[in-house]
C-alpha atoms as a PDB file:
ATOM      1  CA  MET A   1      14.785 -26.365  -8.870  1.00  0.00           C
ATOM      2  CA  LYS A   2      14.626 -25.089  -5.531  1.00  0.00           C
ATOM      3  CA  GLN A   3      11.358 -23.146  -4.609  1.00  0.00           C
ATOM      4  CA  ILE A   4      12.554 -19.803  -2.757  1.00  0.00           C
ATOM      5  CA  HIS A   5       9.648 -18.513  -0.090  1.00  0.00           C
ATOM      6  CA  THR A   6       9.843 -14.614  -0.146  1.00  0.00           C
ATOM      7  CA  GLN A   7       7.986 -12.470   2.196  1.00  0.00           C
ATOM      8  CA  PHE A   8       8.392  -8.462   2.562  1.00  0.00           C
ATOM      9  CA  HIS A   9       9.758  -7.460   5.616  1.00  0.00           C
ATOM     10  CA  LEU A  10       9.324  -3.710   6.590  1.00  0.00           C
ATOM     11  CA  ALA A  11      10.341  -1.875  10.119  1.00  0.00           C
ATOM     12  CA  ILE A  12       8.833   1.297  10.778  1.00  0.00           C
ATOM     13  CA  PRO A  13       8.816   3.806  13.562  1.00  0.00           C
ATOM     14  CA  VAL A  14       5.905   4.425  16.114  1.00  0.00           C
ATOM     15  CA  THR A  15       5.159   6.765  18.706  1.00  0.00           C
ATOM     16  CA  ASP A  16       2.645   4.965  20.851  1.00  0.00           C
ATOM     17  CA  LEU A  17       3.095   1.301  20.787  1.00  0.00           C
ATOM     18  CA  GLU A  18      -0.290   0.541  22.094  1.00  0.00           C
ATOM     19  CA  ALA A  19      -2.524   2.706  19.880  1.00  0.00           C
ATOM     20  CA  SER A  20      -0.475   1.079  16.857  1.00  0.00           C
ATOM     21  CA  ARG A  21      -1.123  -2.219  18.108  1.00  0.00           C
ATOM     22  CA  GLN A  22      -4.811  -1.413  18.246  1.00  0.00           C
ATOM     23  CA  PHE A  23      -4.582   0.017  14.599  1.00  0.00           C
ATOM     24  CA  TYR A  24      -2.679  -2.681  13.037  1.00  0.00           C
ATOM     25  CA  ARG A  25      -4.782  -5.520  14.654  1.00  0.00           C
ATOM     26  CA  ASP A  26      -8.028  -4.096  14.928  1.00  0.00           C
ATOM     27  CA  VAL A  27      -8.383  -1.601  12.092  1.00  0.00           C
ATOM     28  CA  LEU A  28      -6.392  -3.381   9.554  1.00  0.00           C
ATOM     29  CA  GLY A  29      -6.507  -6.690  10.374  1.00  0.00           C
ATOM     30  CA  GLY A  30      -3.072  -7.725  11.141  1.00  0.00           C
ATOM     31  CA  HIS A  31      -1.977 -10.812  13.123  1.00  0.00           C
ATOM     32  CA  GLU A  32       0.455 -10.057  16.169  1.00  0.00           C
ATOM     33  CA  GLY A  33       3.077 -12.234  16.757  1.00  0.00           C
ATOM     34  CA  ARG A  34       6.128 -11.626  19.109  1.00  0.00           C
ATOM     35  CA  SER A  35       6.369  -8.274  21.301  1.00  0.00           C
ATOM     36  CA  THR A  36       8.044  -6.328  23.777  1.00  0.00           C
ATOM     37  CA  ASP A  37       7.898  -3.035  25.400  1.00  0.00           C
ATOM     38  CA  ASN A  38      10.039  -2.235  22.360  1.00  0.00           C
ATOM     39  CA  PHE A  39       8.538  -3.626  19.195  1.00  0.00           C
ATOM     40  CA  ILE A  40       5.788  -5.596  17.805  1.00  0.00           C
ATOM     41  CA  ASP A  41       5.710  -8.403  15.127  1.00  0.00           C
ATOM     42  CA  PHE A  42       2.693  -8.444  12.765  1.00  0.00           C
ATOM     43  CA  ASN A  43       1.930 -10.855  10.011  1.00  0.00           C
ATOM     44  CA  PHE A  44       0.590  -8.417   7.775  1.00  0.00           C
ATOM     45  CA  TYR A  45      -1.431 -10.064   5.069  1.00  0.00           C
ATOM     46  CA  GLY A  46       1.430 -12.471   4.702  1.00  0.00           C
ATOM     47  CA  HIS A  47       4.375 -10.035   5.149  1.00  0.00           C
ATOM     48  CA  HIS A  48       6.361  -9.238   8.092  1.00  0.00           C
ATOM     49  CA  LEU A  49       5.766  -5.866   9.534  1.00  0.00           C
ATOM     50  CA  VAL A  50       7.535  -4.675  12.710  1.00  0.00           C
ATOM     51  CA  LEU A  51       6.374  -1.657  14.559  1.00  0.00           C
ATOM     52  CA  HIS A  52       9.449  -0.285  16.724  1.00  0.00           C
ATOM     53  CA  ILE A  53       8.992   2.517  19.383  1.00  0.00           C
ATOM     54  CA  ALA A  54      10.766   5.425  18.406  1.00  0.00           C
ATOM     55  CA  PRO A  55      12.505   7.371  21.289  1.00  0.00           C
ATOM     56  CA  GLN A  56      11.178  10.754  22.163  1.00  0.00           C
ATOM     57  CA  SER A  57      14.037  12.316  20.317  1.00  0.00           C
ATOM     58  CA  TYR A  58      12.895  11.171  17.129  1.00  0.00           C
ATOM     59  CA  ASP A  59      11.732  13.954  14.710  1.00  0.00           C
ATOM     60  CA  ARG A  60       8.395  12.790  13.091  1.00  0.00           C
ATOM     61  CA  THR A  61       8.046  15.730  11.249  1.00  0.00           C
ATOM     62  CA  PRO A  62       6.574  14.397   8.532  1.00  0.00           C
ATOM     63  CA  ALA A  63       8.703  14.880   5.354  1.00  0.00           C
ATOM     64  CA  MET A  64       5.510  13.901   3.235  1.00  0.00           C
ATOM     65  CA  PHE A  65       4.865  15.439  -0.165  1.00  0.00           C
ATOM     66  CA  GLU A  66       2.242  14.790  -3.117  1.00  0.00           C
ATOM     67  CA  SER A  67       3.093  13.646  -6.139  1.00  0.00           C
ATOM     68  CA  LYS A  68       1.237  13.375  -9.138  1.00  0.00           C
ATOM     69  CA  PHE A  69       0.007   9.878 -10.601  1.00  0.00           C
ATOM     70  CA  HIS A  70      -2.476   9.875 -13.653  1.00  0.00           C
ATOM     71  CA  ASN A  71      -3.971  13.420 -12.579  1.00  0.00           C
ATOM     72  CA  GLU A  72      -4.161  12.325  -8.836  1.00  0.00           C
ATOM     73  CA  LYS A  73      -2.065  13.687  -5.727  1.00  0.00           C
ATOM     74  CA  VAL A  74      -0.302  10.429  -3.811  1.00  0.00           C
ATOM     75  CA  ILE A  75       0.996  11.059  -0.519  1.00  0.00           C
ATOM     76  CA  VAL A  76       4.701  10.132  -0.595  1.00  0.00           C
ATOM     77  CA  PRO A  77       6.474   8.332   1.131  1.00  0.00           C
ATOM     78  CA  HIS A  78       3.918   5.759   2.030  1.00  0.00           C
ATOM     79  CA  PHE A  79       3.602   1.776   1.928  1.00  0.00           C
ATOM     80  CA  GLY A  80       0.667  -0.770   1.601  1.00  0.00           C
ATOM     81  CA  LEU A  81      -0.696  -3.650  -0.060  1.00  0.00           C
ATOM     82  CA  ASN A  82      -2.270  -4.902  -3.043  1.00  0.00           C
ATOM     83  CA  LEU A  83      -5.245  -7.008  -2.169  1.00  0.00           C
ATOM     84  CA  ASP A  84      -7.951  -8.807  -3.854  1.00  0.00           C
ATOM     85  CA  ARG A  85     -11.206  -6.848  -4.227  1.00  0.00           C
ATOM     86  CA  GLN A  86     -12.890  -8.891  -1.225  1.00  0.00           C
ATOM     87  CA  THR A  87     -10.347  -8.417   1.228  1.00  0.00           C
ATOM     88  CA  TRP A  88      -9.947  -4.599   0.166  1.00  0.00           C
ATOM     89  CA  GLY A  89     -13.719  -3.967   0.545  1.00  0.00           C
ATOM     90  CA  ASP A  90     -13.703  -5.763   4.001  1.00  0.00           C
ATOM     91  CA  MET A  91     -10.770  -3.677   4.904  1.00  0.00           C
ATOM     92  CA  ALA A  92     -12.665  -0.329   4.141  1.00  0.00           C
ATOM     93  CA  GLU A  93     -15.727  -1.169   5.678  1.00  0.00           C
ATOM     94  CA  ARG A  94     -13.706  -2.505   8.840  1.00  0.00           C
ATOM     95  CA  ILE A  95     -12.026   1.143   8.746  1.00  0.00           C
ATOM     96  CA  LYS A  96     -15.382   3.043   8.226  1.00  0.00           C
ATOM     97  CA  THR A  97     -16.812   0.850  11.144  1.00  0.00           C
ATOM     98  CA  GLN A  98     -13.978   1.684  13.359  1.00  0.00           C
ATOM     99  CA  ASN A  99     -14.794   5.477  12.509  1.00  0.00           C
ATOM    100  CA  TYR A 100     -11.013   5.719  11.628  1.00  0.00           C
ATOM    101  CA  PRO A 101     -10.336   8.711   8.924  1.00  0.00           C
ATOM    102  CA  PHE A 102      -9.388   8.195   5.728  1.00  0.00           C
ATOM    103  CA  PHE A 103      -6.242  10.305   4.261  1.00  0.00           C
ATOM    104  CA  ASP A 104      -8.092   9.708   0.684  1.00  0.00           C
ATOM    105  CA  PRO A 105     -11.264   7.667   0.958  1.00  0.00           C
ATOM    106  CA  PRO A 106     -11.791   4.636  -1.296  1.00  0.00           C
ATOM    107  CA  HIS A 107     -12.263   5.351  -5.086  1.00  0.00           C
ATOM    108  CA  VAL A 108     -11.382   3.701  -8.113  1.00  0.00           C
ATOM    109  CA  ARG A 109      -8.097   5.085 -10.212  1.00  0.00           C
ATOM    110  CA  MET A 110      -7.366   4.689 -13.841  1.00  0.00           C
ATOM    111  CA  ALA A 111     -11.163   3.537 -14.705  1.00  0.00           C
ATOM    112  CA  GLY A 112     -11.741   1.885 -17.903  1.00  0.00           C
ATOM    113  CA  MET A 113      -8.076   1.671 -18.658  1.00  0.00           C
ATOM    114  CA  PRO A 114      -5.249  -1.203 -18.356  1.00  0.00           C
ATOM    115  CA  GLY A 115      -4.003  -0.893 -14.452  1.00  0.00           C
ATOM    116  CA  GLU A 116      -7.664   0.159 -13.184  1.00  0.00           C
ATOM    117  CA  HIS A 117      -7.525  -0.294  -9.377  1.00  0.00           C
ATOM    118  CA  ALA A 118      -9.336   0.928  -6.345  1.00  0.00           C
ATOM    119  CA  THR A 119      -7.277   2.311  -3.721  1.00  0.00           C
ATOM    120  CA  MET A 120      -7.765   4.165  -0.241  1.00  0.00           C
ATOM    121  CA  PHE A 121      -5.143   5.893   1.906  1.00  0.00           C
ATOM    122  CA  VAL A 122      -4.874   5.997   6.063  1.00  0.00           C
ATOM    123  CA  VAL A 123      -2.250   7.491   7.991  1.00  0.00           C
ATOM    124  CA  ASP A 124      -1.749   5.425  11.181  1.00  0.00           C
ATOM    125  CA  PRO A 125      -1.524   6.960  14.950  1.00  0.00           C
ATOM    126  CA  SER A 126       2.339   7.548  14.263  1.00  0.00           C
ATOM    127  CA  GLY A 127       2.058   9.495  10.964  1.00  0.00           C
ATOM    128  CA  ASN A 128       3.102   6.617   8.518  1.00  0.00           C
ATOM    129  CA  ALA A 129       1.003   6.824   5.330  1.00  0.00           C
ATOM    130  CA  LEU A 130      -0.453   3.439   3.965  1.00  0.00           C
ATOM    131  CA  GLU A 131      -1.959   2.795   0.567  1.00  0.00           C
ATOM    132  CA  PHE A 132      -4.266  -0.143  -0.292  1.00  0.00           C
ATOM    133  CA  LYS A 133      -5.093  -1.327  -3.701  1.00  0.00           C
ATOM    134  CA  ALA A 134      -7.325  -3.951  -5.536  1.00  0.00           C
ATOM    135  CA  PHE A 135      -6.450  -4.315  -9.215  1.00  0.00           C
ATOM    136  CA  LYS A 136      -9.067  -5.233 -11.425  1.00  0.00           C
ATOM    137  CA  ASN A 137      -6.531  -7.529 -13.413  1.00  0.00           C
ATOM    138  CA  HIS A 138      -3.845  -8.010 -11.070  1.00  0.00           C
ATOM    139  CA  ASP A 139      -1.660  -9.017 -14.030  1.00  0.00           C
ATOM    140  CA  GLU A 140      -1.519  -5.345 -14.742  1.00  0.00           C
ATOM    141  CA  VAL A 141       0.201  -4.346 -11.387  1.00  0.00           C
ATOM    142  CA  PHE A 142       3.720  -4.549 -13.111  1.00  0.00           C
ATOM    143  CA  SER A 143       3.049  -3.253 -16.635  1.00  0.00           C
ATOM    144  CA  LYS A 144       5.549  -1.077 -18.033  1.00  0.00           C
ATOM    145  CA  ILE A 145       4.350   0.942 -21.106  1.00  0.00           C
ATOM    146  CA  PHE A 146       1.009   2.429 -21.369  1.00  0.00           C
ATOM    147  CA  ASP A 147      -0.312   4.341 -24.095  1.00  0.00           C
ATOM    148  CA  PRO A 148      -3.188   6.806 -23.457  1.00  0.00           C
ATOM    149  CA  LYS A 149      -3.975   7.209 -26.784  1.00  0.00           C
ATOM    150  CA  THR A 150      -4.723   3.677 -27.704  1.00  0.00           C
ATOM    151  CA  LYS A 151      -5.010   2.282 -24.115  1.00  0.00           C
ATOM    152  CA  ASP A 152      -2.770  -0.599 -25.349  1.00  0.00           C
ATOM    153  CA  LEU A 153      -0.328  -1.952 -22.403  1.00  0.00           C
ATOM    154  CA  SER A 154       2.637  -3.421 -23.629  1.00  0.00           C
ATOM    155  CA  SER A 155       5.962  -5.155 -21.789  1.00  0.00           C
ATOM    156  CA  LEU A 156       9.096  -3.594 -22.455  1.00  0.00           C
ATOM    157  CA  GLU A 157       9.870  -6.867 -24.234  1.00  0.00           C
ATOM    158  CA  THR A 158       7.167  -6.043 -26.736  1.00  0.00           C
ATOM    159  CA  VAL A 159       8.111  -2.482 -27.147  1.00  0.00           C
ATOM    160  CA  VAL A 160      11.956  -3.328 -27.902  1.00  0.00           C
ATOM    161  CA  ALA A 161      10.946  -6.208 -30.333  1.00  0.00           C
ATOM    162  CA  ASP A 162       8.337  -3.665 -32.131  1.00  0.00           C
ATOM    163  CA  ALA A 163      10.578  -1.577 -34.641  1.00  0.00           C
ATOM    164  CA  SER A 164       7.669   0.658 -35.345  1.00  0.00           C
ATOM    165  CA  TYR A 165       7.110   1.800 -31.824  1.00  0.00           C
ATOM    166  CA  GLN A 166       7.904   5.632 -31.485  1.00  0.00           C
ATOM    167  CA  ALA A 167       8.435   6.837 -28.004  1.00  0.00           C
END
């Protein structure tokens, strides 16, 4: 069977290419690839991130809003990475050491429940929001059903097969 190599690609607008280069390279730990006066490629923890300089006419008025997620507010839109706990901790420490402000400082969400994860948000110099997570159990990233009463975590297939389930 042919193995398919997948890699997420994201291109985002930035208003200051040099400030963005410093942020993604020095603060977040990305590895710079090709670049011109108009863009910078980054190997962003194995994914392809491209920063494109936005024209001066680009309206960068944040169209962000806060959404409820397990009784916490999260900023939308955002992008980010699910990291292992060591890499996540190293990144949090690097952000602190560089005196870069957190939009939402490092903390644990859903403590003691399936899907428990450490999280933190930062906003880059151009206003793009990023979230970094480290799941206690990475197998719970794509869990579909969570029962807050029993704290049971089930796949959709299990729920469909279980005739006793009541939504």
